[in-house]
Amino acid sequence: MDDLSRYYALLKDPARRKIVEILGTQEKIGFKELKETLGLGTGTVYYHLDMLSEFLTQDKQRKYRLNERGKMLYRVLKEGDIPPALGLEKTFSHRAGKWIFLSPLFAKTVKTSWMLPFALGIFVFGAVGTAYARLDPALFFYLRFSTYSYSTIVLLYFLNWIGLFLLSEFLAFVLYRRVGNDLQTLTCISIAAFPLALFPYIFIALPIAFPSMSLSDLNVAGQYIMVILQIWSLILFSSALCFGKGLRLDKSIVISLTVIYANIAILFLLGKFV
């Protein structure tokens, strides 16, 4: 017997409820028509379809249908027998989680015409701070005491994050055969860079704010802050892939962990970790 709580959790989201309703009444629908009906971005639609993958099937024309489990899900939706504990109201923890993942911002990236400049502004903010703090950017890490010029550090900062975008595109295709929606993905990854873009300014501000702290204590404080911001950036990077590539969170986390392990391995091979 299927766990009904799994059904209720899926039906909490209005877009997924709409997809189930459409397929329950219309029987089958193509991706393009479904996207137009929902009025959502490509990555977002892929994400919801991925979340419902256990309940869907596709025919030879690649049109989506409900399978037997999906028809049960549709019946649960039509009966409307959802317990209060799993109802459609937004709890505090749910709202807090949305802002940890910056879901409201990522959701707006469907309109790339005005979200892309905002995202690029985060890049510029991070690049300028990194150059001023004399740090070498290395994807999710910073190396201190850079010998490069300001302009070179800025260029390296941009190349790092463009490299991250290209690597995520490659991994999304190799692991999950997910392609397209590149501009929204780039916008989302730019937003995910915000916590790490903030670090150089904190690095500069720490000795000013705490002049009595020893150099070793400042280094320890900086390392703790760096770890917190790295974790937040990894969370946002996973969220970015959910919205940009339409991947479920468990799949996007696989890409995030692959990237961070590759990042650490490369720095270790270069002798940056001692």
C-alpha atoms as a PDB file:
ATOM      1  CA  MET A   1       0.000   0.000   0.000  1.00  0.00           C
ATOM      2  CA  ASP A   2       1.353   3.391  -0.937  1.00  0.00           C
ATOM      3  CA  ASP A   3       2.207   5.835   1.828  1.00  0.00           C
ATOM      4  CA  LEU A   4      -0.461   8.528   1.586  1.00  0.00           C
ATOM      5  CA  SER A   5       1.806  11.069   3.275  1.00  0.00           C
ATOM      6  CA  ARG A   6       4.003  10.854   0.139  1.00  0.00           C
ATOM      7  CA  TYR A   7       0.986  11.778  -1.960  1.00  0.00           C
ATOM      8  CA  TYR A   8       0.034  14.672   0.280  1.00  0.00           C
ATOM      9  CA  ALA A   9       3.571  16.061   0.259  1.00  0.00           C
ATOM     10  CA  LEU A  10       3.615  16.055  -3.545  1.00  0.00           C
ATOM     11  CA  LEU A  11       0.187  17.663  -3.789  1.00  0.00           C
ATOM     12  CA  LYS A  12       1.188  20.548  -1.519  1.00  0.00           C
ATOM     13  CA  ASP A  13       2.664  22.339  -4.525  1.00  0.00           C
ATOM     14  CA  PRO A  14       0.046  24.101  -6.721  1.00  0.00           C
ATOM     15  CA  ALA A  15       2.002  23.471  -9.942  1.00  0.00           C
ATOM     16  CA  ARG A  16       2.153  19.724  -9.279  1.00  0.00           C
ATOM     17  CA  ARG A  17      -1.538  19.684  -8.384  1.00  0.00           C
ATOM     18  CA  LYS A  18      -2.258  21.424 -11.676  1.00  0.00           C
ATOM     19  CA  ILE A  19      -0.184  18.880 -13.647  1.00  0.00           C
ATOM     20  CA  VAL A  20      -2.005  15.979 -11.998  1.00  0.00           C
ATOM     21  CA  GLU A  21      -5.382  17.652 -12.650  1.00  0.00           C
ATOM     22  CA  ILE A  22      -4.524  18.247 -16.317  1.00  0.00           C
ATOM     23  CA  LEU A  23      -3.418  14.650 -16.869  1.00  0.00           C
ATOM     24  CA  GLY A  24      -6.336  13.300 -14.853  1.00  0.00           C
ATOM     25  CA  THR A  25      -8.864  15.045 -17.089  1.00  0.00           C
ATOM     26  CA  GLN A  26      -6.989  15.357 -20.387  1.00  0.00           C
ATOM     27  CA  GLU A  27      -5.247  11.959 -20.186  1.00  0.00           C
ATOM     28  CA  LYS A  28      -2.113  13.053 -22.077  1.00  0.00           C
ATOM     29  CA  ILE A  29      -0.216  16.221 -22.937  1.00  0.00           C
ATOM     30  CA  GLY A  30       3.072  17.221 -24.571  1.00  0.00           C
ATOM     31  CA  PHE A  31       5.777  19.194 -22.793  1.00  0.00           C
ATOM     32  CA  LYS A  32       5.345  22.386 -24.833  1.00  0.00           C
ATOM     33  CA  GLU A  33       1.582  22.458 -24.323  1.00  0.00           C
ATOM     34  CA  LEU A  34       1.995  21.726 -20.610  1.00  0.00           C
ATOM     35  CA  LYS A  35       4.549  24.533 -20.245  1.00  0.00           C
ATOM     36  CA  GLU A  36       2.203  27.018 -21.954  1.00  0.00           C
ATOM     37  CA  THR A  37      -0.746  25.886 -19.831  1.00  0.00           C
ATOM     38  CA  LEU A  38       1.178  26.238 -16.563  1.00  0.00           C
ATOM     39  CA  GLY A  39       2.862  29.513 -17.575  1.00  0.00           C
ATOM     40  CA  LEU A  40       6.126  28.412 -15.977  1.00  0.00           C
ATOM     41  CA  GLY A  41       9.734  28.295 -17.145  1.00  0.00           C
ATOM     42  CA  THR A  42      11.255  25.243 -18.816  1.00  0.00           C
ATOM     43  CA  GLY A  43      13.436  24.330 -15.850  1.00  0.00           C
ATOM     44  CA  THR A  44      10.557  24.700 -13.385  1.00  0.00           C
ATOM     45  CA  VAL A  45       8.281  22.438 -15.432  1.00  0.00           C
ATOM     46  CA  TYR A  46      11.040  19.832 -15.750  1.00  0.00           C
ATOM     47  CA  TYR A  47      11.545  20.020 -12.004  1.00  0.00           C
ATOM     48  CA  HIS A  48       7.883  19.294 -11.220  1.00  0.00           C
ATOM     49  CA  LEU A  49       7.749  16.505 -13.806  1.00  0.00           C
ATOM     50  CA  ASP A  50      10.854  15.015 -12.216  1.00  0.00           C
ATOM     51  CA  MET A  51       9.219  15.172  -8.789  1.00  0.00           C
ATOM     52  CA  LEU A  52       6.205  13.328 -10.256  1.00  0.00           C
ATOM     53  CA  SER A  53       8.304  10.848 -12.268  1.00  0.00           C
ATOM     54  CA  GLU A  54       7.088   7.850 -10.222  1.00  0.00           C
ATOM     55  CA  PHE A  55       3.528   8.680 -11.228  1.00  0.00           C
ATOM     56  CA  LEU A  56       3.996   9.477 -14.924  1.00  0.00           C
ATOM     57  CA  THR A  57       4.778   7.676 -18.137  1.00  0.00           C
ATOM     58  CA  GLN A  58       5.405   8.824 -21.711  1.00  0.00           C
ATOM     59  CA  ASP A  59       3.999   7.341 -24.905  1.00  0.00           C
ATOM     60  CA  LYS A  60       5.768   6.993 -28.269  1.00  0.00           C
ATOM     61  CA  GLN A  61       4.969  10.653 -29.073  1.00  0.00           C
ATOM     62  CA  ARG A  62       6.725  11.685 -25.808  1.00  0.00           C
ATOM     63  CA  LYS A  63       3.432  12.862 -24.332  1.00  0.00           C
ATOM     64  CA  TYR A  64       2.946  12.555 -20.605  1.00  0.00           C
ATOM     65  CA  ARG A  65       0.288  10.294 -19.053  1.00  0.00           C
ATOM     66  CA  LEU A  66      -0.570   9.180 -15.546  1.00  0.00           C
ATOM     67  CA  ASN A  67       0.442   5.606 -14.753  1.00  0.00           C
ATOM     68  CA  GLU A  68      -1.514   3.464 -12.280  1.00  0.00           C
ATOM     69  CA  ARG A  69       0.127   5.113  -9.284  1.00  0.00           C
ATOM     70  CA  GLY A  70      -0.515   8.506 -10.901  1.00  0.00           C
ATOM     71  CA  LYS A  71      -4.209   7.702 -11.209  1.00  0.00           C
ATOM     72  CA  MET A  72      -4.250   6.923  -7.492  1.00  0.00           C
ATOM     73  CA  LEU A  73      -2.578  10.282  -6.875  1.00  0.00           C
ATOM     74  CA  TYR A  74      -5.275  11.976  -8.969  1.00  0.00           C
ATOM     75  CA  ARG A  75      -7.988  10.251  -6.902  1.00  0.00           C
ATOM     76  CA  VAL A  76      -6.361  11.500  -3.682  1.00  0.00           C
ATOM     77  CA  LEU A  77      -6.405  15.012  -5.152  1.00  0.00           C
ATOM     78  CA  LYS A  78     -10.034  14.807  -6.216  1.00  0.00           C
ATOM     79  CA  GLU A  79     -11.165  13.396  -2.867  1.00  0.00           C
ATOM     80  CA  GLY A  80      -9.500  16.326  -1.116  1.00  0.00           C
ATOM     81  CA  ASP A  81      -8.953  14.297   2.031  1.00  0.00           C
ATOM     82  CA  ILE A  82      -5.710  15.977   3.111  1.00  0.00           C
ATOM     83  CA  PRO A  83      -4.941  15.899   6.862  1.00  0.00           C
ATOM     84  CA  PRO A  84      -4.420  19.324   8.494  1.00  0.00           C
ATOM     85  CA  ALA A  85      -0.839  18.447   9.412  1.00  0.00           C
ATOM     86  CA  LEU A  86      -0.068  17.974   5.722  1.00  0.00           C
ATOM     87  CA  GLY A  87      -2.379  20.660   4.430  1.00  0.00           C
ATOM     88  CA  LEU A  88      -1.702  23.419   1.957  1.00  0.00           C
ATOM     89  CA  GLU A  89      -0.941  26.142   4.486  1.00  0.00           C
ATOM     90  CA  LYS A  90       2.573  27.558   4.621  1.00  0.00           C
ATOM     91  CA  THR A  91       4.286  26.831   7.927  1.00  0.00           C
ATOM     92  CA  PHE A  92       7.042  28.972   9.376  1.00  0.00           C
ATOM     93  CA  SER A  93       9.670  26.301   8.674  1.00  0.00           C
ATOM     94  CA  HIS A  94       8.499  26.114   5.057  1.00  0.00           C
ATOM     95  CA  ARG A  95       8.793  29.890   4.674  1.00  0.00           C
ATOM     96  CA  ALA A  96      12.221  29.918   6.332  1.00  0.00           C
ATOM     97  CA  GLY A  97      13.374  27.096   4.055  1.00  0.00           C
ATOM     98  CA  LYS A  98      12.285  29.037   0.984  1.00  0.00           C
ATOM     99  CA  TRP A  99      14.530  31.932   1.938  1.00  0.00           C
ATOM    100  CA  ILE A 100      17.479  29.711   2.830  1.00  0.00           C
ATOM    101  CA  PHE A 101      17.194  28.289  -0.686  1.00  0.00           C
ATOM    102  CA  LEU A 102      16.251  31.758  -2.078  1.00  0.00           C
ATOM    103  CA  SER A 103      13.367  30.074  -3.896  1.00  0.00           C
ATOM    104  CA  PRO A 104      11.415  33.345  -4.426  1.00  0.00           C
ATOM    105  CA  LEU A 105      14.427  34.845  -6.246  1.00  0.00           C
ATOM    106  CA  PHE A 106      15.116  31.733  -8.313  1.00  0.00           C
ATOM    107  CA  ALA A 107      11.447  31.564  -9.297  1.00  0.00           C
ATOM    108  CA  LYS A 108      11.732  35.043 -10.821  1.00  0.00           C
ATOM    109  CA  THR A 109      14.618  33.958 -13.093  1.00  0.00           C
ATOM    110  CA  VAL A 110      12.021  32.842 -15.642  1.00  0.00           C
ATOM    111  CA  LYS A 111      12.050  36.553 -16.603  1.00  0.00           C
ATOM    112  CA  THR A 112      15.745  36.647 -17.490  1.00  0.00           C
ATOM    113  CA  SER A 113      15.435  40.050 -19.180  1.00  0.00           C
ATOM    114  CA  TRP A 114      15.537  41.825 -15.811  1.00  0.00           C
ATOM    115  CA  MET A 115      16.879  39.118 -13.474  1.00  0.00           C
ATOM    116  CA  LEU A 116      20.065  38.567 -15.511  1.00  0.00           C
ATOM    117  CA  PRO A 117      21.384  42.131 -14.890  1.00  0.00           C
ATOM    118  CA  PHE A 118      20.696  41.640 -11.165  1.00  0.00           C
ATOM    119  CA  ALA A 119      22.579  38.323 -11.218  1.00  0.00           C
ATOM    120  CA  LEU A 120      25.509  39.828 -13.118  1.00  0.00           C
ATOM    121  CA  GLY A 121      25.589  42.584 -10.492  1.00  0.00           C
ATOM    122  CA  ILE A 122      26.327  39.873  -7.907  1.00  0.00           C
ATOM    123  CA  PHE A 123      29.264  38.751 -10.060  1.00  0.00           C
ATOM    124  CA  VAL A 124      30.635  42.300 -10.245  1.00  0.00           C
ATOM    125  CA  PHE A 125      30.120  42.770  -6.498  1.00  0.00           C
ATOM    126  CA  GLY A 126      32.072  39.589  -5.762  1.00  0.00           C
ATOM    127  CA  ALA A 127      34.832  40.277  -8.303  1.00  0.00           C
ATOM    128  CA  VAL A 128      35.523  43.797  -6.990  1.00  0.00           C
ATOM    129  CA  GLY A 129      35.564  42.628  -3.368  1.00  0.00           C
ATOM    130  CA  THR A 130      37.875  39.721  -4.194  1.00  0.00           C
ATOM    131  CA  ALA A 131      40.339  42.000  -5.989  1.00  0.00           C
ATOM    132  CA  TYR A 132      40.276  44.584  -3.197  1.00  0.00           C
ATOM    133  CA  ALA A 133      40.862  41.898  -0.540  1.00  0.00           C
ATOM    134  CA  ARG A 134      43.741  40.464  -2.591  1.00  0.00           C
ATOM    135  CA  LEU A 135      42.277  36.944  -2.661  1.00  0.00           C
ATOM    136  CA  ASP A 136      42.647  34.331  -5.392  1.00  0.00           C
ATOM    137  CA  PRO A 137      39.237  32.889  -6.344  1.00  0.00           C
ATOM    138  CA  ALA A 138      39.152  29.094  -6.715  1.00  0.00           C
ATOM    139  CA  LEU A 139      35.468  28.202  -7.283  1.00  0.00           C
ATOM    140  CA  PHE A 140      34.130  27.575  -3.753  1.00  0.00           C
ATOM    141  CA  PHE A 141      37.404  28.585  -2.096  1.00  0.00           C
ATOM    142  CA  TYR A 142      39.592  31.667  -1.706  1.00  0.00           C
ATOM    143  CA  LEU A 143      43.394  31.624  -1.482  1.00  0.00           C
ATOM    144  CA  ARG A 144      44.990  34.464   0.455  1.00  0.00           C
ATOM    145  CA  PHE A 145      47.771  36.857  -0.460  1.00  0.00           C
ATOM    146  CA  SER A 146      47.271  36.950  -4.212  1.00  0.00           C
ATOM    147  CA  THR A 147      50.179  38.165  -6.327  1.00  0.00           C
ATOM    148  CA  TYR A 148      47.980  38.955  -9.305  1.00  0.00           C
ATOM    149  CA  SER A 149      46.932  42.441 -10.388  1.00  0.00           C
ATOM    150  CA  TYR A 150      43.431  43.734  -9.634  1.00  0.00           C
ATOM    151  CA  SER A 151      42.282  43.264 -13.225  1.00  0.00           C
ATOM    152  CA  THR A 152      43.623  39.704 -13.330  1.00  0.00           C
ATOM    153  CA  ILE A 153      41.813  38.778 -10.104  1.00  0.00           C
ATOM    154  CA  VAL A 154      38.565  40.186 -11.527  1.00  0.00           C
ATOM    155  CA  LEU A 155      39.054  38.168 -14.704  1.00  0.00           C
ATOM    156  CA  LEU A 156      39.847  35.007 -12.715  1.00  0.00           C
ATOM    157  CA  TYR A 157      36.719  35.513 -10.623  1.00  0.00           C
ATOM    158  CA  PHE A 158      34.508  35.643 -13.717  1.00  0.00           C
ATOM    159  CA  LEU A 159      36.298  32.684 -15.326  1.00  0.00           C
ATOM    160  CA  ASN A 160      35.792  30.621 -12.177  1.00  0.00           C
ATOM    161  CA  TRP A 161      32.044  31.053 -12.169  1.00  0.00           C
ATOM    162  CA  ILE A 162      31.687  30.691 -15.936  1.00  0.00           C
ATOM    163  CA  GLY A 163      33.705  27.472 -15.567  1.00  0.00           C
ATOM    164  CA  LEU A 164      31.300  26.345 -12.844  1.00  0.00           C
ATOM    165  CA  PHE A 165      28.364  27.021 -15.183  1.00  0.00           C
ATOM    166  CA  LEU A 166      29.954  24.997 -18.005  1.00  0.00           C
ATOM    167  CA  LEU A 167      30.840  22.150 -15.637  1.00  0.00           C
ATOM    168  CA  SER A 168      27.293  22.024 -14.274  1.00  0.00           C
ATOM    169  CA  GLU A 169      25.927  21.959 -17.835  1.00  0.00           C
ATOM    170  CA  PHE A 170      28.238  19.043 -18.638  1.00  0.00           C
ATOM    171  CA  LEU A 171      27.324  17.073 -15.507  1.00  0.00           C
ATOM    172  CA  ALA A 172      23.586  17.700 -15.972  1.00  0.00           C
ATOM    173  CA  PHE A 173      23.839  16.223 -19.476  1.00  0.00           C
ATOM    174  CA  VAL A 174      26.132  13.291 -18.607  1.00  0.00           C
ATOM    175  CA  LEU A 175      24.277  12.255 -15.450  1.00  0.00           C
ATOM    176  CA  TYR A 176      20.671  13.122 -16.305  1.00  0.00           C
ATOM    177  CA  ARG A 177      20.578  13.966 -20.044  1.00  0.00           C
ATOM    178  CA  ARG A 178      19.197  17.395 -19.176  1.00  0.00           C
ATOM    179  CA  VAL A 179      19.934  20.117 -21.751  1.00  0.00           C
ATOM    180  CA  GLY A 180      18.672  23.584 -22.645  1.00  0.00           C
ATOM    181  CA  ASN A 181      17.441  26.527 -20.570  1.00  0.00           C
ATOM    182  CA  ASP A 182      21.044  27.766 -20.404  1.00  0.00           C
ATOM    183  CA  LEU A 183      20.356  31.460 -19.792  1.00  0.00           C
ATOM    184  CA  GLN A 184      18.109  30.805 -16.795  1.00  0.00           C
ATOM    185  CA  THR A 185      20.678  28.342 -15.430  1.00  0.00           C
ATOM    186  CA  LEU A 186      23.435  30.948 -15.743  1.00  0.00           C
ATOM    187  CA  THR A 187      21.230  33.496 -13.985  1.00  0.00           C
ATOM    188  CA  CYS A 188      20.480  31.061 -11.161  1.00  0.00           C
ATOM    189  CA  ILE A 189      24.153  30.147 -10.702  1.00  0.00           C
ATOM    190  CA  SER A 190      24.994  33.852 -10.557  1.00  0.00           C
ATOM    191  CA  ILE A 191      22.525  34.291  -7.699  1.00  0.00           C
ATOM    192  CA  ALA A 192      24.001  31.226  -5.974  1.00  0.00           C
ATOM    193  CA  ALA A 193      27.356  33.051  -5.948  1.00  0.00           C
ATOM    194  CA  PHE A 194      26.049  35.659  -3.488  1.00  0.00           C
ATOM    195  CA  PRO A 195      27.296  34.141  -0.181  1.00  0.00           C
ATOM    196  CA  LEU A 196      30.825  33.688  -1.530  1.00  0.00           C
ATOM    197  CA  ALA A 197      30.703  37.139  -3.142  1.00  0.00           C
ATOM    198  CA  LEU A 198      30.053  38.496   0.343  1.00  0.00           C
ATOM    199  CA  PHE A 199      33.080  36.824   1.953  1.00  0.00           C
ATOM    200  CA  PRO A 200      35.837  39.244   0.720  1.00  0.00           C
ATOM    201  CA  TYR A 201      34.005  42.161   2.345  1.00  0.00           C
ATOM    202  CA  ILE A 202      33.705  40.248   5.626  1.00  0.00           C
ATOM    203  CA  PHE A 203      37.403  39.342   5.320  1.00  0.00           C
ATOM    204  CA  ILE A 204      38.269  43.043   5.011  1.00  0.00           C
ATOM    205  CA  ALA A 205      35.866  44.136   7.762  1.00  0.00           C
ATOM    206  CA  LEU A 206      36.920  41.633  10.460  1.00  0.00           C
ATOM    207  CA  PRO A 207      40.211  43.325  11.534  1.00  0.00           C
ATOM    208  CA  ILE A 208      38.504  46.728  11.376  1.00  0.00           C
ATOM    209  CA  ALA A 209      35.553  45.597  13.502  1.00  0.00           C
ATOM    210  CA  PHE A 210      37.733  43.684  15.999  1.00  0.00           C
ATOM    211  CA  PRO A 211      41.096  45.501  16.175  1.00  0.00           C
ATOM    212  CA  SER A 212      42.029  43.828  19.464  1.00  0.00           C
ATOM    213  CA  MET A 213      41.815  40.295  18.051  1.00  0.00           C
ATOM    214  CA  SER A 214      45.084  38.518  17.315  1.00  0.00           C
ATOM    215  CA  LEU A 215      45.943  37.496  13.768  1.00  0.00           C
ATOM    216  CA  SER A 216      45.455  33.816  14.590  1.00  0.00           C
ATOM    217  CA  ASP A 217      42.000  34.488  16.071  1.00  0.00           C
ATOM    218  CA  LEU A 218      41.037  36.514  13.023  1.00  0.00           C
ATOM    219  CA  ASN A 219      42.156  33.638  10.789  1.00  0.00           C
ATOM    220  CA  VAL A 220      40.060  31.150  12.749  1.00  0.00           C
ATOM    221  CA  ALA A 221      37.007  33.445  12.645  1.00  0.00           C
ATOM    222  CA  GLY A 222      37.489  33.911   8.906  1.00  0.00           C
ATOM    223  CA  GLN A 223      37.707  30.153   8.363  1.00  0.00           C
ATOM    224  CA  TYR A 224      34.475  29.521  10.284  1.00  0.00           C
ATOM    225  CA  ILE A 225      32.681  32.221   8.311  1.00  0.00           C
ATOM    226  CA  MET A 226      34.098  30.814   5.076  1.00  0.00           C
ATOM    227  CA  VAL A 227      32.739  27.324   5.852  1.00  0.00           C
ATOM    228  CA  ILE A 228      29.271  28.709   6.639  1.00  0.00           C
ATOM    229  CA  LEU A 229      29.188  30.686   3.389  1.00  0.00           C
ATOM    230  CA  GLN A 230      30.490  27.691   1.411  1.00  0.00           C
ATOM    231  CA  ILE A 231      27.690  25.513   2.759  1.00  0.00           C
ATOM    232  CA  TRP A 232      25.110  28.172   1.934  1.00  0.00           C
ATOM    233  CA  SER A 233      26.525  28.580  -1.582  1.00  0.00           C
ATOM    234  CA  LEU A 234      26.395  24.812  -2.133  1.00  0.00           C
ATOM    235  CA  ILE A 235      22.754  24.820  -1.008  1.00  0.00           C
ATOM    236  CA  LEU A 236      22.003  27.688  -3.404  1.00  0.00           C
ATOM    237  CA  PHE A 237      23.937  26.004  -6.218  1.00  0.00           C
ATOM    238  CA  SER A 238      21.771  22.903  -5.764  1.00  0.00           C
ATOM    239  CA  SER A 239      18.661  25.091  -5.765  1.00  0.00           C
ATOM    240  CA  ALA A 240      19.929  26.862  -8.903  1.00  0.00           C
ATOM    241  CA  LEU A 241      20.127  23.541 -10.743  1.00  0.00           C
ATOM    242  CA  CYS A 242      16.606  22.676  -9.596  1.00  0.00           C
ATOM    243  CA  PHE A 243      15.226  25.831 -11.191  1.00  0.00           C
ATOM    244  CA  GLY A 244      17.628  26.112 -14.125  1.00  0.00           C
ATOM    245  CA  LYS A 245      17.778  22.465 -15.175  1.00  0.00           C
ATOM    246  CA  GLY A 246      14.560  21.217 -13.632  1.00  0.00           C
ATOM    247  CA  LEU A 247      16.313  18.594 -11.494  1.00  0.00           C
ATOM    248  CA  ARG A 248      15.013  17.212  -8.241  1.00  0.00           C
ATOM    249  CA  LEU A 249      16.987  18.352  -5.212  1.00  0.00           C
ATOM    250  CA  ASP A 250      18.499  14.919  -4.643  1.00  0.00           C
ATOM    251  CA  LYS A 251      19.854  14.939  -8.210  1.00  0.00           C
ATOM    252  CA  SER A 252      21.151  18.503  -8.075  1.00  0.00           C
ATOM    253  CA  ILE A 253      22.951  17.722  -4.804  1.00  0.00           C
ATOM    254  CA  VAL A 254      24.845  14.948  -6.606  1.00  0.00           C
ATOM    255  CA  ILE A 255      26.163  17.545  -9.063  1.00  0.00           C
ATOM    256  CA  SER A 256      26.988  19.980  -6.240  1.00  0.00           C
ATOM    257  CA  LEU A 257      28.962  17.372  -4.317  1.00  0.00           C
ATOM    258  CA  THR A 258      30.761  16.270  -7.482  1.00  0.00           C
ATOM    259  CA  VAL A 259      31.808  19.869  -8.114  1.00  0.00           C
ATOM    260  CA  ILE A 260      33.031  20.526  -4.566  1.00  0.00           C
ATOM    261  CA  TYR A 261      35.000  17.263  -4.441  1.00  0.00           C
ATOM    262  CA  ALA A 262      36.580  18.062  -7.806  1.00  0.00           C
ATOM    263  CA  ASN A 263      37.370  21.560  -6.500  1.00  0.00           C
ATOM    264  CA  ILE A 264      39.110  20.147  -3.413  1.00  0.00           C
ATOM    265  CA  ALA A 265      40.975  17.494  -5.428  1.00  0.00           C
ATOM    266  CA  ILE A 266      42.352  20.047  -7.901  1.00  0.00           C
ATOM    267  CA  LEU A 267      43.524  22.388  -5.125  1.00  0.00           C
ATOM    268  CA  PHE A 268      45.112  19.455  -3.309  1.00  0.00           C
ATOM    269  CA  LEU A 269      46.963  18.344  -6.459  1.00  0.00           C
ATOM    270  CA  LEU A 270      48.174  21.909  -6.964  1.00  0.00           C
ATOM    271  CA  GLY A 271      49.547  21.926  -3.443  1.00  0.00           C
ATOM    272  CA  LYS A 272      47.167  24.610  -2.195  1.00  0.00           C
ATOM    273  CA  PHE A 273      46.051  22.513   0.779  1.00  0.00           C
ATOM    274  CA  VAL A 274      48.731  21.751   3.327  1.00  0.00           C
END
